[in-house]
Amino acid sequence: MAENKAVKKEEKKEENPLGKPRRELYLEIEEPGVGVERFYFWILRFIASTPPSGISRDDFKYKIDKIKDVFAASETGAYFGSIEQRKGLQQEKVSQYMATLGRMTRDLFQMIRELRIIDERLDYYEKSEQRRDKQGRKIEGWEDAEISLKSIWIDLVEGGSKNPTSVLGLGSQVGFVILPDLFFTIHPEKIKDIEREVNTLGSAEKGGINRKVREVLRRKLWQYMEWKEKTGKEIKQRKSFVTKFLRQHYNVMRMYINWLKPYLRNIKRLQGSQENYPEVVAAFDTSKIELEILAKKVKEKGKQTYYPCLLIKFDYTAIPTMAYQQEFQRGAVHTGLSKIFFECYALTDKQINDYKKKIEDEDLELISSVYESMESLKDDLKKYLEEEGEKWFKEEEVKKEEEKNILTAFIFGIKDSFKNLSDGFKKTFTIKLKSEEEKKESHWTVQFEKKEAEDEADLGLWILYDVFKKAHRMITW
């Protein structure tokens, strides 16, 4: 038994974000024992196919997007149990990936911290080596960096004042009190310069430092210079290794996130609608399914501001019957009441995208929390990954790209203007600047395109509606 009605829908609680449709049509079909899926797939194929079995043509195609796909099932039904079993498998995978991502995020913090410490130490090495600029002038801060490195060497290598044979330990003994001052004052540039620098201390002008102190000072400076040279190379290699490992670690995290996204999306869809549908009763085995597709008519040639669009909404109230199919897999066959709403519009790309964003509200808060953790390290992470060749979209580059696009549009605009002027000369018309009347005509051109798109959408919707009824043996007029 099939029933069709002219469109007179109940007043909607919320205002339609797409505005008022050009035409609205409505069908309500109830055929006991027949699956409701066939109506959805028949409409899908008819919109995408070319004549005589569809409304697309060679010069234009309908691009179809699924906008909405939600369902609800009664808790005591077999269909609900099957869904929960599949959802449990997905949730188990998500928990494993999230645990791995949690550990990797902690490791990411440790690597960034280690790189910060390495950078701080490398700054000492670089400044202590760059003592003069190209003009031969002393660079400010190199001596402070050298003294800092000597302090690190005394504390880490010699053990500080606790070791009696260290620079500070010997400074507490009689005859070597001056040793720490000399050690922190003399800064040979190379190992070969130590002998010359220390020997000058024996002269009367330098105070005549005794030979024993000079021997100890020479030995300590040599040990320090050897340590400085080797650890300088080692710390650079360490930074290169940690930075490369950071890049690998970051890419693995992104891989896990990409793996995680479909599981979260599947869980969200398997979760079902949380609305309290009166048709879904816990004691009965019933299900509620809502589908929505948007078909945009795109021409093969020429620009379009407004697109003829068909919006088809399916509202199913069904009884799911679990049946064994191929390879003993259980699947549900939905039979019951089908409500199909047909609407047509003339829409711009912006209107379509805004509508999709409003309807497709993916709540991936877990993904956002991972990205927020990485966002807190954004500047350091960006800096180190760029050193290893990772490309980031910089705000300055985006601005430059926008400026470039504006400039290109301006140049092409000038070129088009000159072309129009040239055409005007050829047709012997008087050349004038664009007047307010011409701007108004341009505005009406857009309005005419919108009206034409509405008419095309209206015709396509009526053909779809009429052929659908005839194909399913309904009364037509």
Protein backbone atom coordinates (compact mmCIF):
# COMPACT_ATOMS: atom_id res chain seq x y z
CA MET A 1 0.00 0.00 0.00
CA ALA A 2 1.46 3.35 -1.01
CA GLU A 3 0.27 6.86 -0.23
CA ASN A 4 1.56 10.15 -1.66
CA LYS A 5 0.69 13.64 -0.51
CA ALA A 6 1.24 17.19 -1.73
CA VAL A 7 3.73 19.02 0.38
CA LYS A 8 2.37 20.53 3.51
CA LYS A 9 4.94 19.97 6.18
CA GLU A 10 4.54 20.87 9.80
CA GLU A 11 6.10 24.06 10.95
CA LYS A 12 9.75 23.41 11.74
CA LYS A 13 11.08 24.20 15.15
CA GLU A 14 14.31 25.55 13.71
CA GLU A 15 14.70 27.89 10.79
CA ASN A 16 16.01 26.19 7.65
CA PRO A 17 19.70 27.25 7.27
CA LEU A 18 19.37 26.99 3.46
CA GLY A 19 16.41 29.34 3.34
CA LYS A 20 13.05 28.66 1.76
CA PRO A 21 13.16 25.92 -0.92
CA ARG A 22 11.85 26.62 -4.40
CA ARG A 23 9.64 23.52 -4.21
CA GLU A 24 8.89 20.88 -1.58
CA LEU A 25 7.41 17.44 -2.26
CA TYR A 26 6.66 14.62 0.12
CA LEU A 27 6.02 10.88 -0.05
CA GLU A 28 4.96 8.48 2.67
CA ILE A 29 5.23 4.78 1.82
CA GLU A 30 4.42 1.74 3.92
CA GLU A 31 4.87 -1.73 2.45
CA PRO A 32 5.00 -4.53 5.06
CA GLY A 33 7.66 -7.14 4.37
CA VAL A 34 9.61 -5.02 1.87
CA GLY A 35 12.98 -3.46 2.72
CA VAL A 36 13.12 0.34 2.93
CA GLU A 37 16.72 0.51 1.65
CA ARG A 38 15.65 0.20 -1.98
CA PHE A 39 14.14 3.70 -2.09
CA TYR A 40 17.40 5.30 -1.00
CA PHE A 41 19.52 3.42 -3.53
CA TRP A 42 17.01 3.93 -6.35
CA ILE A 43 17.10 7.73 -5.86
CA LEU A 44 20.89 7.67 -5.53
CA ARG A 45 21.31 5.82 -8.85
CA PHE A 46 18.66 7.87 -10.67
CA ILE A 47 20.32 11.19 -9.78
CA ALA A 48 23.79 9.98 -10.80
CA SER A 49 22.77 8.14 -14.00
CA THR A 50 22.29 9.59 -17.48
CA PRO A 51 19.06 9.29 -19.58
CA PRO A 52 16.97 7.26 -19.98
CA SER A 53 17.66 5.92 -16.48
CA GLY A 54 18.67 9.19 -14.76
CA ILE A 55 18.70 13.00 -14.77
CA SER A 56 22.44 13.62 -15.25
CA ARG A 57 23.77 14.37 -18.74
CA ASP A 58 27.12 14.51 -20.52
CA ASP A 59 27.32 18.32 -20.23
CA PHE A 60 26.53 18.33 -16.50
CA LYS A 61 26.71 15.91 -13.59
CA TYR A 62 25.10 15.78 -10.19
CA LYS A 63 27.68 15.64 -7.39
CA ILE A 64 26.09 13.83 -4.44
CA ASP A 65 27.12 14.35 -0.79
CA LYS A 66 25.69 12.42 2.14
CA ILE A 67 24.92 15.09 4.71
CA LYS A 68 23.22 13.15 7.50
CA ASP A 69 23.25 9.50 8.54
CA VAL A 70 21.91 8.71 12.04
CA PHE A 71 19.87 5.91 13.55
CA ALA A 72 18.37 4.78 16.82
CA ALA A 73 17.40 1.24 17.87
CA SER A 74 15.46 -0.18 20.79
CA GLU A 75 17.73 -1.58 23.50
CA THR A 76 16.10 -5.02 23.77
CA GLY A 77 16.29 -5.78 20.02
CA ALA A 78 18.72 -8.16 18.30
CA TYR A 79 19.81 -5.34 16.00
CA PHE A 80 20.91 -3.24 18.98
CA GLY A 81 22.91 -6.20 20.35
CA SER A 82 24.70 -6.66 17.02
CA ILE A 83 25.58 -2.96 16.91
CA GLU A 84 26.88 -2.94 20.50
CA GLN A 85 29.12 -5.93 19.76
CA ARG A 86 30.72 -4.13 16.81
CA LYS A 87 31.01 -0.91 18.77
CA GLY A 88 32.83 -2.75 21.57
CA LEU A 89 35.51 -3.97 19.13
CA GLN A 90 36.01 -0.41 17.86
CA GLN A 91 36.22 0.98 21.41
CA GLU A 92 38.88 -1.58 22.32
CA LYS A 93 41.05 -0.42 19.41
CA VAL A 94 40.54 3.23 20.37
CA SER A 95 41.62 2.58 23.97
CA GLN A 96 44.82 0.87 22.73
CA TYR A 97 45.69 3.73 20.36
CA MET A 98 44.91 6.39 22.98
CA ALA A 99 47.13 4.65 25.55
CA THR A 100 49.97 4.55 22.99
CA LEU A 101 49.43 8.20 22.08
CA GLY A 102 49.47 9.14 25.78
CA ARG A 103 52.88 7.51 26.27
CA MET A 104 54.21 9.09 23.09
CA THR A 105 53.00 12.53 24.18
CA ARG A 106 54.94 12.18 27.46
CA ASP A 107 58.02 11.12 25.49
CA LEU A 108 57.53 14.14 23.24
CA PHE A 109 57.74 16.48 26.24
CA GLN A 110 60.96 14.79 27.39
CA MET A 111 62.57 15.09 23.95
CA ILE A 112 61.68 18.78 23.70
CA ARG A 113 63.12 19.34 27.18
CA GLU A 114 66.33 17.54 26.25
CA LEU A 115 66.67 19.62 23.07
CA ARG A 116 66.23 22.82 25.08
CA ILE A 117 69.08 21.78 27.41
CA ILE A 118 71.25 20.85 24.43
CA ASP A 119 70.54 24.22 22.81
CA GLU A 120 71.53 26.02 25.98
CA ARG A 121 74.83 24.12 26.16
CA LEU A 122 75.49 24.54 22.42
CA ASP A 123 75.04 28.28 22.85
CA TYR A 124 78.04 28.27 25.24
CA TYR A 125 80.20 26.33 22.75
CA GLU A 126 79.29 28.53 19.79
CA LYS A 127 79.86 31.79 21.63
CA SER A 128 83.18 30.63 23.12
CA GLU A 129 84.44 29.72 19.63
CA GLN A 130 83.28 32.92 17.91
CA ARG A 131 85.54 35.38 19.68
CA ARG A 132 85.99 37.97 16.93
CA ASP A 133 83.92 39.20 14.01
CA LYS A 134 85.16 39.60 10.42
CA GLN A 135 86.64 43.01 11.24
CA GLY A 136 88.72 41.51 14.07
CA ARG A 137 86.69 43.10 16.87
CA LYS A 138 85.92 41.11 20.00
CA ILE A 139 82.39 39.74 20.21
CA GLU A 140 80.67 40.53 23.46
CA GLY A 141 79.73 37.53 25.61
CA TRP A 142 82.33 35.01 24.43
CA GLU A 143 84.35 35.26 27.66
CA ASP A 144 81.25 34.68 29.80
CA ALA A 145 80.47 31.58 27.72
CA GLU A 146 84.06 30.31 28.19
CA ILE A 147 83.89 30.82 31.95
CA SER A 148 80.53 28.99 32.06
CA LEU A 149 82.02 26.01 30.22
CA LYS A 150 85.00 25.93 32.60
CA SER A 151 82.61 25.90 35.56
CA ILE A 152 80.70 23.00 34.01
CA TRP A 153 83.94 21.10 33.43
CA ILE A 154 85.09 21.61 37.06
CA ASP A 155 81.70 20.50 38.46
CA LEU A 156 80.96 17.56 36.15
CA VAL A 157 84.44 16.22 35.29
CA GLU A 158 86.58 17.11 38.30
CA GLY A 159 83.92 16.91 40.98
CA GLY A 160 84.21 20.49 42.20
CA SER A 161 85.71 21.42 45.55
CA LYS A 162 85.06 17.92 46.95
CA ASN A 163 87.94 16.57 44.86
CA PRO A 164 91.27 17.75 46.39
CA THR A 165 93.05 17.45 43.01
CA SER A 166 90.54 19.64 41.14
CA VAL A 167 91.16 23.30 40.31
CA LEU A 168 89.02 24.42 43.25
CA GLY A 169 90.43 21.73 45.55
CA LEU A 170 94.04 22.73 44.80
CA GLY A 171 93.05 26.39 45.32
CA SER A 172 92.45 25.64 48.98
CA GLN A 173 96.06 24.39 49.44
CA VAL A 174 99.06 26.53 50.22
CA GLY A 175 100.98 27.55 47.11
CA PHE A 176 98.06 26.98 44.72
CA VAL A 177 95.64 29.66 45.95
CA ILE A 178 96.05 31.63 42.73
CA LEU A 179 95.33 28.62 40.47
CA PRO A 180 91.50 29.09 40.17
CA ASP A 181 91.95 32.79 39.28
CA LEU A 182 94.51 31.93 36.60
CA PHE A 183 92.35 29.10 35.24
CA PHE A 184 89.31 31.37 34.84
CA THR A 185 91.37 34.26 33.44
CA ILE A 186 93.49 32.60 30.73
CA HIS A 187 91.50 31.52 27.64
CA PRO A 188 93.69 29.95 24.95
CA GLU A 189 91.93 29.66 21.62
CA LYS A 190 93.54 26.35 20.60
CA ILE A 191 95.42 23.58 22.44
CA LYS A 192 98.69 24.65 20.78
CA ASP A 193 98.28 28.14 22.36
CA ILE A 194 98.35 26.80 25.95
CA GLU A 195 102.16 26.60 26.14
CA ARG A 196 102.61 30.19 24.94
CA GLU A 197 99.89 31.60 27.23
CA VAL A 198 101.19 29.82 30.36
CA ASN A 199 104.88 30.63 29.72
CA THR A 200 104.13 34.35 29.67
CA LEU A 201 103.03 34.03 33.31
CA GLY A 202 106.65 33.39 34.34
CA SER A 203 107.78 36.86 33.28
CA ALA A 204 108.20 39.67 35.81
CA GLU A 205 105.47 41.74 34.10
CA LYS A 206 102.93 38.96 34.82
CA GLY A 207 103.98 38.68 38.46
CA GLY A 208 106.48 35.84 38.05
CA ILE A 209 104.17 32.83 38.74
CA ASN A 210 106.26 29.91 40.00
CA ARG A 211 106.99 26.92 37.82
CA LYS A 212 104.92 24.36 39.81
CA VAL A 213 101.73 26.43 39.52
CA ARG A 214 102.36 26.91 35.79
CA GLU A 215 102.76 23.15 35.29
CA VAL A 216 99.48 22.40 37.05
CA LEU A 217 97.72 25.22 35.15
CA ARG A 218 99.07 23.91 31.83
CA ARG A 219 97.81 20.40 32.63
CA LYS A 220 94.37 21.62 33.70
CA LEU A 221 93.94 23.85 30.63
CA TRP A 222 94.98 20.99 28.35
CA GLN A 223 92.46 18.64 29.97
CA TYR A 224 89.72 21.26 29.70
CA MET A 225 90.48 22.05 26.03
CA GLU A 226 90.43 18.34 25.13
CA TRP A 227 87.09 17.92 26.93
CA LYS A 228 85.65 21.01 25.28
CA GLU A 229 86.61 19.92 21.76
CA LYS A 230 85.29 16.37 22.09
CA THR A 231 82.10 17.24 23.96
CA GLY A 232 81.39 20.05 21.46
CA LYS A 233 81.32 17.51 18.61
CA GLU A 234 79.42 15.02 20.71
CA ILE A 235 76.69 17.47 21.70
CA LYS A 236 76.16 18.53 18.05
CA GLN A 237 75.81 14.89 17.05
CA ARG A 238 73.44 14.35 19.98
CA LYS A 239 71.24 17.24 18.85
CA SER A 240 71.16 15.94 15.28
CA PHE A 241 70.17 12.47 16.51
CA VAL A 242 67.45 13.71 18.92
CA THR A 243 66.02 16.08 16.29
CA LYS A 244 65.81 13.29 13.70
CA PHE A 245 64.25 11.00 16.30
CA LEU A 246 61.79 13.80 17.21
CA ARG A 247 60.72 14.03 13.59
CA GLN A 248 60.23 10.27 13.42
CA HIS A 249 58.34 10.31 16.73
CA TYR A 250 56.11 13.16 15.56
CA ASN A 251 55.29 11.40 12.26
CA VAL A 252 54.45 8.18 14.12
CA MET A 253 52.09 10.16 16.37
CA ARG A 254 50.40 11.64 13.30
CA MET A 255 50.10 8.13 11.86
CA TYR A 256 48.40 6.88 15.06
CA ILE A 257 46.05 9.88 14.99
CA ASN A 258 45.13 9.10 11.38
CA TRP A 259 44.46 5.49 12.39
CA LEU A 260 42.39 6.67 15.33
CA LYS A 261 40.11 9.05 13.43
CA PRO A 262 38.06 6.42 11.51
CA TYR A 263 37.55 4.37 14.69
CA LEU A 264 36.23 7.42 16.55
CA ARG A 265 34.03 8.29 13.59
CA ASN A 266 32.70 4.72 13.47
CA ILE A 267 32.00 4.72 17.21
CA LYS A 268 30.17 8.01 16.91
CA ARG A 269 28.00 6.60 14.12
CA LEU A 270 27.45 3.28 15.93
CA GLN A 271 26.46 5.26 19.02
CA GLY A 272 23.20 6.11 17.31
CA SER A 273 20.97 9.11 17.87
CA GLN A 274 20.32 10.14 21.46
CA GLU A 275 16.99 11.75 20.65
CA ASN A 276 13.91 10.38 22.36
CA TYR A 277 11.95 9.12 19.36
CA PRO A 278 8.39 8.06 20.25
CA GLU A 279 8.58 5.40 17.51
CA VAL A 280 11.47 3.61 19.27
CA VAL A 281 10.12 1.62 22.26
CA ALA A 282 12.47 -0.37 24.48
CA ALA A 283 10.13 -3.38 24.65
CA PHE A 284 9.65 -3.53 20.85
CA ASP A 285 12.25 -4.33 18.23
CA THR A 286 12.14 -1.07 16.25
CA SER A 287 14.61 1.32 14.68
CA LYS A 288 14.60 4.91 13.48
CA ILE A 289 16.82 5.93 10.53
CA GLU A 290 17.41 9.44 9.21
CA LEU A 291 19.34 10.00 5.96
CA GLU A 292 19.97 13.16 3.98
CA ILE A 293 21.71 13.65 0.63
CA LEU A 294 22.48 16.85 -1.29
CA ALA A 295 22.89 16.63 -5.09
CA LYS A 296 24.65 19.62 -6.71
CA LYS A 297 24.34 20.07 -10.48
CA VAL A 298 27.80 20.96 -11.85
CA LYS A 299 28.31 21.99 -15.48
CA GLU A 300 31.27 20.62 -17.39
CA LYS A 301 32.10 24.05 -18.88
CA GLY A 302 31.70 27.63 -17.69
CA LYS A 303 31.68 29.24 -14.26
CA GLN A 304 28.81 28.91 -11.83
CA THR A 305 27.87 31.17 -8.96
CA TYR A 306 24.61 29.40 -8.17
CA TYR A 307 24.14 25.63 -8.45
CA PRO A 308 20.80 23.83 -8.92
CA CYS A 309 20.57 21.57 -5.86
CA LEU A 310 18.28 18.72 -4.79
CA LEU A 311 17.98 17.94 -1.07
CA ILE A 312 16.45 14.53 -0.34
CA LYS A 313 15.61 13.56 3.26
CA PHE A 314 14.68 10.02 4.29
CA ASP A 315 12.88 9.28 7.54
CA TYR A 316 12.49 5.55 8.17
CA THR A 317 10.59 3.86 11.01
CA ALA A 318 11.46 0.22 10.55
CA ILE A 319 11.41 -3.21 12.14
CA PRO A 320 14.90 -4.71 11.77
CA THR A 321 14.87 -8.44 11.06
CA MET A 322 18.19 -10.22 11.60
CA ALA A 323 18.94 -12.61 8.73
CA TYR A 324 21.94 -14.78 7.90
CA GLN A 325 23.56 -13.68 4.67
CA GLN A 326 26.68 -14.78 2.81
CA GLU A 327 29.45 -16.43 4.86
CA PHE A 328 27.05 -16.74 7.83
CA GLN A 329 27.24 -13.01 8.60
CA ARG A 330 24.14 -11.69 10.32
CA GLY A 331 22.68 -8.51 8.84
CA ALA A 332 19.48 -6.56 9.45
CA VAL A 333 16.70 -6.20 6.88
CA HIS A 334 14.65 -3.07 7.64
CA THR A 335 10.94 -3.10 6.79
CA GLY A 336 8.33 -0.51 7.69
CA LEU A 337 7.34 3.10 7.08
CA SER A 338 9.32 5.39 4.76
CA LYS A 339 8.93 9.18 4.62
CA ILE A 340 10.81 10.95 1.83
CA PHE A 341 11.09 14.75 1.61
CA PHE A 342 12.13 16.32 -1.70
CA GLU A 343 13.41 19.93 -1.75
CA CYS A 344 15.15 22.03 -4.41
CA TYR A 345 17.32 25.14 -4.07
CA ALA A 346 19.72 27.41 -5.95
CA LEU A 347 22.81 27.56 -3.70
CA THR A 348 26.36 28.92 -3.76
CA ASP A 349 29.42 26.95 -2.71
CA LYS A 350 29.58 28.92 0.54
CA GLN A 351 25.97 28.10 1.44
CA ILE A 352 26.56 24.40 0.74
CA ASN A 353 29.77 24.27 2.80
CA ASP A 354 28.19 26.17 5.71
CA TYR A 355 25.26 23.74 5.69
CA LYS A 356 27.60 20.73 5.70
CA LYS A 357 29.56 22.12 8.66
CA LYS A 358 26.34 22.75 10.56
CA ILE A 359 25.03 19.23 9.96
CA GLU A 360 28.31 17.30 10.08
CA ASP A 361 29.25 18.03 13.69
CA GLU A 362 32.00 15.49 14.35
CA ASP A 363 32.73 15.47 18.05
CA LEU A 364 36.34 14.24 18.10
CA GLU A 365 37.33 15.67 21.49
CA LEU A 366 39.93 12.95 22.08
CA ILE A 367 41.76 13.95 18.89
CA SER A 368 41.51 17.60 19.91
CA SER A 369 43.06 16.84 23.31
CA VAL A 370 46.07 15.18 21.63
CA TYR A 371 46.50 18.13 19.29
CA GLU A 372 46.16 20.54 22.24
CA SER A 373 49.02 18.73 24.02
CA MET A 374 51.17 19.15 20.93
CA GLU A 375 49.94 22.75 20.57
CA SER A 376 51.46 23.63 23.97
CA LEU A 377 54.86 22.73 22.48
CA LYS A 378 54.04 24.32 19.12
CA ASP A 379 56.88 26.85 18.89
CA ASP A 380 59.66 24.47 19.99
CA LEU A 381 58.24 21.56 17.99
CA LYS A 382 57.94 23.72 14.90
CA LYS A 383 61.50 25.03 15.31
CA TYR A 384 63.15 21.62 15.68
CA LEU A 385 61.08 19.90 12.98
CA GLU A 386 61.78 22.68 10.49
CA GLU A 387 65.50 22.05 11.07
CA GLU A 388 64.88 18.51 9.83
CA GLY A 389 62.94 19.60 6.76
CA GLU A 390 59.37 19.38 8.06
CA LYS A 391 57.28 21.97 6.20
CA TRP A 392 54.90 24.18 8.13
CA PHE A 393 52.43 26.75 6.86
CA LYS A 394 53.74 30.02 8.18
CA GLU A 395 51.36 32.92 8.68
CA GLU A 396 53.69 35.17 6.70
CA GLU A 397 53.60 32.75 3.77
CA VAL A 398 49.81 32.62 3.90
CA LYS A 399 49.66 36.43 3.85
CA LYS A 400 52.09 36.56 0.94
CA GLU A 401 50.00 33.97 -0.92
CA GLU A 402 46.83 35.99 -0.30
CA GLU A 403 48.55 39.19 -1.44
CA LYS A 404 49.80 37.36 -4.53
CA ASN A 405 46.28 36.15 -5.33
CA ILE A 406 44.87 39.67 -4.89
CA LEU A 407 47.60 41.10 -7.12
CA THR A 408 46.96 38.44 -9.77
CA ALA A 409 43.22 39.13 -9.68
CA PHE A 410 43.94 42.87 -9.96
CA ILE A 411 46.25 42.35 -12.97
CA PHE A 412 43.72 40.11 -14.72
CA GLY A 413 41.03 42.63 -13.90
CA ILE A 414 43.06 45.37 -15.60
CA LYS A 415 43.69 43.05 -18.57
CA ASP A 416 39.96 42.31 -18.87
CA SER A 417 39.18 46.01 -18.62
CA PHE A 418 41.56 46.84 -21.46
CA LYS A 419 40.08 43.99 -23.50
CA ASN A 420 36.60 45.40 -22.97
CA LEU A 421 37.82 48.86 -23.96
CA SER A 422 39.39 47.42 -27.09
CA ASP A 423 36.14 45.67 -27.97
CA GLY A 424 34.36 48.95 -27.43
CA PHE A 425 36.65 50.73 -29.91
CA LYS A 426 36.02 48.02 -32.48
CA LYS A 427 32.28 48.44 -32.14
CA THR A 428 32.68 52.24 -32.30
CA PHE A 429 30.99 52.77 -28.95
CA THR A 430 31.96 55.59 -26.66
CA ILE A 431 34.34 54.41 -23.99
CA LYS A 432 33.08 55.11 -20.51
CA LEU A 433 34.00 54.03 -17.02
CA LYS A 434 31.75 51.52 -15.40
CA SER A 435 28.65 53.39 -14.29
CA GLU A 436 26.19 52.66 -11.54
CA GLU A 437 23.71 51.41 -14.13
CA GLU A 438 26.25 48.85 -15.42
CA LYS A 439 26.90 47.68 -11.86
CA LYS A 440 23.18 47.25 -11.44
CA GLU A 441 23.03 45.21 -14.66
CA SER A 442 25.83 43.03 -13.34
CA HIS A 443 23.82 42.51 -10.17
CA TRP A 444 20.76 41.52 -12.17
CA THR A 445 22.93 39.10 -14.16
CA VAL A 446 23.66 37.24 -10.95
CA GLN A 447 19.99 37.33 -10.01
CA PHE A 448 19.10 35.96 -13.43
CA GLU A 449 21.60 33.12 -12.94
CA LYS A 450 20.01 32.34 -9.57
CA LYS A 451 16.54 32.31 -11.13
CA GLU A 452 17.77 30.03 -13.92
CA ALA A 453 19.36 27.68 -11.36
CA GLU A 454 16.11 27.58 -9.35
CA ASP A 455 14.16 26.67 -12.50
CA GLU A 456 16.63 23.89 -13.36
CA ALA A 457 16.47 22.54 -9.80
CA ASP A 458 12.67 22.69 -9.87
CA LEU A 459 12.50 20.75 -13.15
CA GLY A 460 15.02 18.14 -11.95
CA LEU A 461 13.14 17.67 -8.68
CA TRP A 462 9.80 17.19 -10.44
CA ILE A 463 11.28 14.64 -12.88
CA LEU A 464 12.82 12.73 -9.95
CA TYR A 465 9.55 12.81 -7.99
CA ASP A 466 7.35 11.87 -10.95
CA VAL A 467 9.54 9.03 -12.26
CA PHE A 468 10.02 7.69 -8.71
CA LYS A 469 6.25 7.32 -8.27
CA LYS A 470 5.80 5.72 -11.69
CA ALA A 471 8.72 3.32 -11.11
CA HIS A 472 7.14 2.19 -7.82
CA ARG A 473 3.58 1.94 -9.24
CA MET A 474 2.08 4.86 -7.38
CA ILE A 475 -0.77 7.07 -8.54
CA THR A 476 0.45 10.01 -10.63
CA TRP A 477 -1.25 13.02 -12.14
